[in-house]
Amino acid sequence: MDLEKTALLLIDLQKESGTSDVVGMSEVVQNAKTLIDACRQQGLPVIYTRHISRADAIGLANKEPVNKQGEPIYYNNQTNTIEIIDEIKPQANDIVIDKYRYSGFYESSLDLMLKSLGVKHLIVGGVLTDCCVLATVLDAYYRDYQVNLVKDMCGTTTLGAHMASILMMVNWIYDLKVYDTEQIVSQLNGEEFRVWESSSPDQLQFSPDNLKTVFSRLSDK
């Protein structure tokens, strides 16, 4: 990973997510804070996405949940739920990308910003693992960005969905690298670190019965 061509991409770490049923959300936020600080010390760009749903329902995805007044239930742009969580709120030079679909790349300015910065490598984490993180990572791969996924900086509503989503990315995104926060911070600081890398397609096949066991292999030394 060439740090001069690397950016941190944080997916939808908004107040809406902070009040939802994301498993381990407090740890996700704390790990994000740790990594944000490390990236800023190294001068890496810090980029946030915000999921937005217009209060007047214009542009909502098909069957997007709405209340009796026809307003979006989630990420309503007339509420403060769309704002980044206070503990990790953007600084003046950070970049905030608003999006209206799961992927941070879909009809947003994200790709333009990354190209303008000369970014080739992305450090990625956020919520939900099985939704916006998965969609954004796949779109990054389609656009030839190399993704470094921080698995303990991701979360969703069930541990099973979190694990399965990461394993699907691991199996089919051939240049994906998977870290825990502590390990990628060590790499940024020029210290010894551990990373999981694929050696073949569909390497970590899993079933409902062995999901946890297979997932644990991502942390093997």
Protein backbone atom coordinates (compact mmCIF):
# COMPACT_ATOMS: atom_id res chain seq x y z
CA MET A 1 0.00 0.00 0.00
CA ASP A 2 1.50 3.28 -1.17
CA LEU A 3 0.52 5.79 1.51
CA GLU A 4 0.91 8.67 -0.93
CA LYS A 5 -1.93 7.13 -2.96
CA THR A 6 -4.11 6.01 -0.04
CA ALA A 7 -7.27 7.46 1.52
CA LEU A 8 -9.51 6.48 4.44
CA LEU A 9 -13.14 5.95 3.40
CA LEU A 10 -15.73 5.83 6.19
CA ILE A 11 -19.17 4.54 5.18
CA ASP A 12 -22.28 6.10 6.75
CA LEU A 13 -21.03 6.58 10.31
CA GLN A 14 -23.98 8.86 10.98
CA LYS A 15 -26.16 9.54 14.00
CA GLU A 16 -28.89 7.39 12.44
CA SER A 17 -26.52 4.43 12.52
CA GLY A 18 -25.45 5.24 16.07
CA THR A 19 -29.01 4.81 17.35
CA SER A 20 -29.77 1.68 15.33
CA ASP A 21 -29.39 -1.98 16.19
CA VAL A 22 -25.88 -2.35 14.77
CA VAL A 23 -24.03 -5.02 16.76
CA GLY A 24 -20.95 -3.52 18.42
CA MET A 25 -21.57 0.01 17.14
CA SER A 26 -19.67 1.62 20.01
CA GLU A 27 -16.58 -0.43 19.14
CA VAL A 28 -16.96 0.47 15.47
CA VAL A 29 -16.97 4.17 16.35
CA GLN A 30 -14.02 3.86 18.72
CA ASN A 31 -12.00 1.96 16.13
CA ALA A 32 -12.91 4.57 13.52
CA LYS A 33 -11.68 7.32 15.84
CA THR A 34 -8.40 5.49 16.37
CA LEU A 35 -7.85 5.01 12.65
CA ILE A 36 -8.92 8.54 11.74
CA ASP A 37 -6.32 9.91 14.16
CA ALA A 38 -3.63 7.64 12.70
CA CYS A 39 -4.50 8.61 9.12
CA ARG A 40 -4.47 12.31 9.93
CA GLN A 41 -1.04 11.95 11.51
CA GLN A 42 0.18 10.42 8.24
CA GLY A 43 -1.49 13.12 6.13
CA LEU A 44 -3.93 10.69 4.47
CA PRO A 45 -7.21 12.10 3.12
CA VAL A 46 -10.21 11.29 5.30
CA ILE A 47 -13.45 10.83 3.37
CA TYR A 48 -16.91 10.25 4.80
CA THR A 49 -20.07 9.16 3.03
CA ARG A 50 -23.49 10.22 4.29
CA HIS A 51 -26.61 8.36 3.26
CA ILE A 52 -29.38 10.85 2.50
CA SER A 53 -33.13 10.38 2.03
CA ARG A 54 -35.07 13.47 0.98
CA ALA A 55 -37.94 14.29 3.34
CA ASP A 56 -40.24 14.82 0.35
CA ALA A 57 -39.44 11.25 -0.81
CA ILE A 58 -38.06 12.42 -4.17
CA GLY A 59 -35.39 10.00 -5.35
CA LEU A 60 -36.05 7.28 -2.79
CA ALA A 61 -35.16 3.72 -3.76
CA ASN A 62 -38.00 1.35 -4.62
CA LYS A 63 -40.02 0.39 -1.52
CA GLU A 64 -37.88 2.55 0.75
CA PRO A 65 -39.67 2.51 4.14
CA VAL A 66 -41.75 5.63 4.78
CA ASN A 67 -44.05 6.73 7.60
CA LYS A 68 -47.76 7.55 7.38
CA GLN A 69 -46.90 11.01 6.06
CA GLY A 70 -44.87 9.52 3.23
CA GLU A 71 -41.56 10.66 4.72
CA PRO A 72 -38.52 8.38 4.83
CA ILE A 73 -38.06 6.55 8.10
CA TYR A 74 -34.28 6.38 7.75
CA TYR A 75 -31.71 9.14 7.06
CA ASN A 76 -34.34 11.86 6.68
CA ASN A 77 -32.52 14.98 5.48
CA GLN A 78 -34.72 17.20 7.62
CA THR A 79 -33.33 15.64 10.81
CA ASN A 80 -29.90 15.57 12.40
CA THR A 81 -29.73 11.79 11.92
CA ILE A 82 -27.86 12.37 8.66
CA GLU A 83 -24.94 14.08 10.44
CA ILE A 84 -21.69 12.27 11.20
CA ILE A 85 -21.42 10.96 14.77
CA ASP A 86 -19.96 13.68 17.01
CA GLU A 87 -16.98 11.64 18.25
CA ILE A 88 -15.63 11.32 14.71
CA LYS A 89 -17.07 14.39 13.01
CA PRO A 90 -15.22 15.73 9.98
CA GLN A 91 -12.59 18.44 10.21
CA ALA A 92 -12.30 21.38 7.82
CA ASN A 93 -10.13 19.61 5.24
CA ASP A 94 -12.01 16.31 5.26
CA ILE A 95 -14.32 15.35 2.40
CA VAL A 96 -18.00 14.47 2.88
CA ILE A 97 -19.80 12.67 0.05
CA ASP A 98 -23.59 12.58 0.09
CA LYS A 99 -25.19 9.56 -1.54
CA TYR A 100 -28.73 8.37 -2.19
CA ARG A 101 -28.14 4.66 -2.77
CA TYR A 102 -26.19 1.93 -0.99
CA SER A 103 -22.95 2.37 -2.91
CA GLY A 104 -20.87 5.42 -2.18
CA PHE A 105 -19.97 5.55 -5.87
CA TYR A 106 -23.46 5.48 -7.36
CA GLU A 107 -24.18 8.88 -8.96
CA SER A 108 -22.00 10.66 -6.40
CA SER A 109 -18.77 12.65 -6.61
CA LEU A 110 -16.70 10.01 -4.81
CA ASP A 111 -14.86 8.67 -7.85
CA LEU A 112 -14.08 12.22 -9.03
CA MET A 113 -12.66 13.16 -5.64
CA LEU A 114 -10.51 10.04 -5.43
CA LYS A 115 -9.13 10.55 -8.91
CA SER A 116 -8.39 14.20 -8.14
CA LEU A 117 -6.42 13.08 -5.08
CA GLY A 118 -4.53 10.44 -7.05
CA VAL A 119 -5.86 7.68 -4.79
CA LYS A 120 -5.31 4.03 -5.73
CA HIS A 121 -5.72 2.37 -2.32
CA LEU A 122 -8.70 2.68 0.01
CA ILE A 123 -8.88 1.88 3.72
CA VAL A 124 -12.57 1.12 4.26
CA GLY A 125 -14.91 0.63 7.20
CA GLY A 126 -18.38 1.60 8.31
CA VAL A 127 -21.96 0.39 8.27
CA LEU A 128 -23.83 -1.63 7.31
CA THR A 129 -21.40 -4.42 6.42
CA ASP A 130 -23.97 -6.33 4.38
CA CYS A 131 -25.41 -3.28 2.67
CA CYS A 132 -23.59 0.00 2.03
CA VAL A 133 -20.10 -1.30 2.88
CA LEU A 134 -20.52 -4.34 0.63
CA ALA A 135 -21.95 -2.27 -2.24
CA THR A 136 -19.24 0.38 -1.98
CA VAL A 137 -16.37 -2.12 -1.79
CA LEU A 138 -17.67 -3.99 -4.84
CA ASP A 139 -17.99 -0.73 -6.78
CA ALA A 140 -14.46 0.26 -5.72
CA TYR A 141 -13.16 -3.06 -7.06
CA TYR A 142 -15.02 -2.54 -10.34
CA ARG A 143 -13.18 0.79 -10.65
CA ASP A 144 -9.77 -0.79 -9.96
CA TYR A 145 -9.23 0.65 -6.49
CA GLN A 146 -7.38 -1.70 -4.16
CA VAL A 147 -9.40 -2.06 -0.95
CA ASN A 148 -8.06 -2.59 2.57
CA LEU A 149 -11.07 -3.63 4.65
CA VAL A 150 -10.94 -3.01 8.41
CA LYS A 151 -13.27 -5.71 9.67
CA ASP A 152 -13.61 -4.51 13.27
CA MET A 153 -14.52 -1.05 11.97
CA CYS A 154 -17.56 -2.52 10.21
CA GLY A 155 -20.89 -3.62 11.64
CA THR A 156 -24.46 -4.56 10.84
CA THR A 157 -27.60 -5.77 12.59
CA THR A 158 -26.50 -9.39 13.11
CA LEU A 159 -23.10 -10.95 13.64
CA GLY A 160 -23.90 -13.65 11.10
CA ALA A 161 -24.63 -11.14 8.34
CA HIS A 162 -21.45 -9.24 9.22
CA MET A 163 -19.29 -12.34 8.99
CA ALA A 164 -20.94 -13.69 5.84
CA SER A 165 -20.61 -10.35 4.02
CA ILE A 166 -16.93 -10.04 4.81
CA LEU A 167 -16.30 -13.63 3.71
CA MET A 168 -18.12 -13.01 0.42
CA MET A 169 -15.88 -10.00 -0.22
CA VAL A 170 -12.81 -12.02 0.77
CA ASN A 171 -13.70 -14.84 -1.63
CA TRP A 172 -14.39 -12.77 -4.74
CA ILE A 173 -12.44 -9.52 -4.49
CA TYR A 174 -9.07 -10.94 -5.41
CA ASP A 175 -6.84 -8.06 -4.25
CA LEU A 176 -8.73 -7.36 -1.02
CA LYS A 177 -6.69 -7.13 2.17
CA VAL A 178 -8.34 -7.56 5.57
CA TYR A 179 -7.11 -5.98 8.80
CA ASP A 180 -8.16 -5.23 12.33
CA THR A 181 -7.77 -1.61 13.43
CA GLU A 182 -4.70 -2.29 15.57
CA GLN A 183 -2.91 -3.99 12.70
CA ILE A 184 -3.50 -1.34 10.04
CA VAL A 185 -2.50 1.40 12.49
CA SER A 186 0.76 -0.52 13.02
CA GLN A 187 1.29 -0.59 9.27
CA LEU A 188 0.66 3.15 8.98
CA ASN A 189 3.21 3.72 11.74
CA GLY A 190 5.83 1.57 10.03
CA GLU A 191 5.61 -1.17 12.66
CA GLU A 192 5.18 -4.93 12.34
CA PHE A 193 1.62 -5.82 11.38
CA ARG A 194 -0.62 -8.73 10.37
CA VAL A 195 -2.90 -8.75 7.31
CA TRP A 196 -5.03 -11.40 5.61
CA GLU A 197 -4.66 -11.71 1.83
CA SER A 198 -6.31 -14.10 -0.61
CA SER A 199 -4.23 -16.74 -2.34
CA SER A 200 -7.03 -18.20 -4.50
CA PRO A 201 -10.68 -17.54 -5.46
CA ASP A 202 -13.38 -18.77 -3.08
CA GLN A 203 -10.67 -19.60 -0.57
CA LEU A 204 -12.76 -19.36 2.61
CA GLN A 205 -15.83 -21.38 1.73
CA PHE A 206 -18.33 -21.44 4.56
CA SER A 207 -21.63 -22.95 5.60
CA PRO A 208 -24.15 -22.05 8.31
CA ASP A 209 -22.47 -24.58 10.57
CA ASN A 210 -18.87 -23.40 10.25
CA LEU A 211 -19.29 -19.65 9.66
CA LYS A 212 -17.63 -18.55 12.91
CA THR A 213 -14.75 -20.97 12.52
CA VAL A 214 -14.01 -19.91 8.95
CA PHE A 215 -14.32 -16.22 9.84
CA SER A 216 -11.79 -16.66 12.65
CA ARG A 217 -9.18 -17.61 10.05
CA LEU A 218 -9.03 -13.95 9.00
CA SER A 219 -7.31 -13.23 12.32
CA ASP A 220 -4.88 -16.15 12.26
CA LYS A 221 -1.25 -15.16 12.65
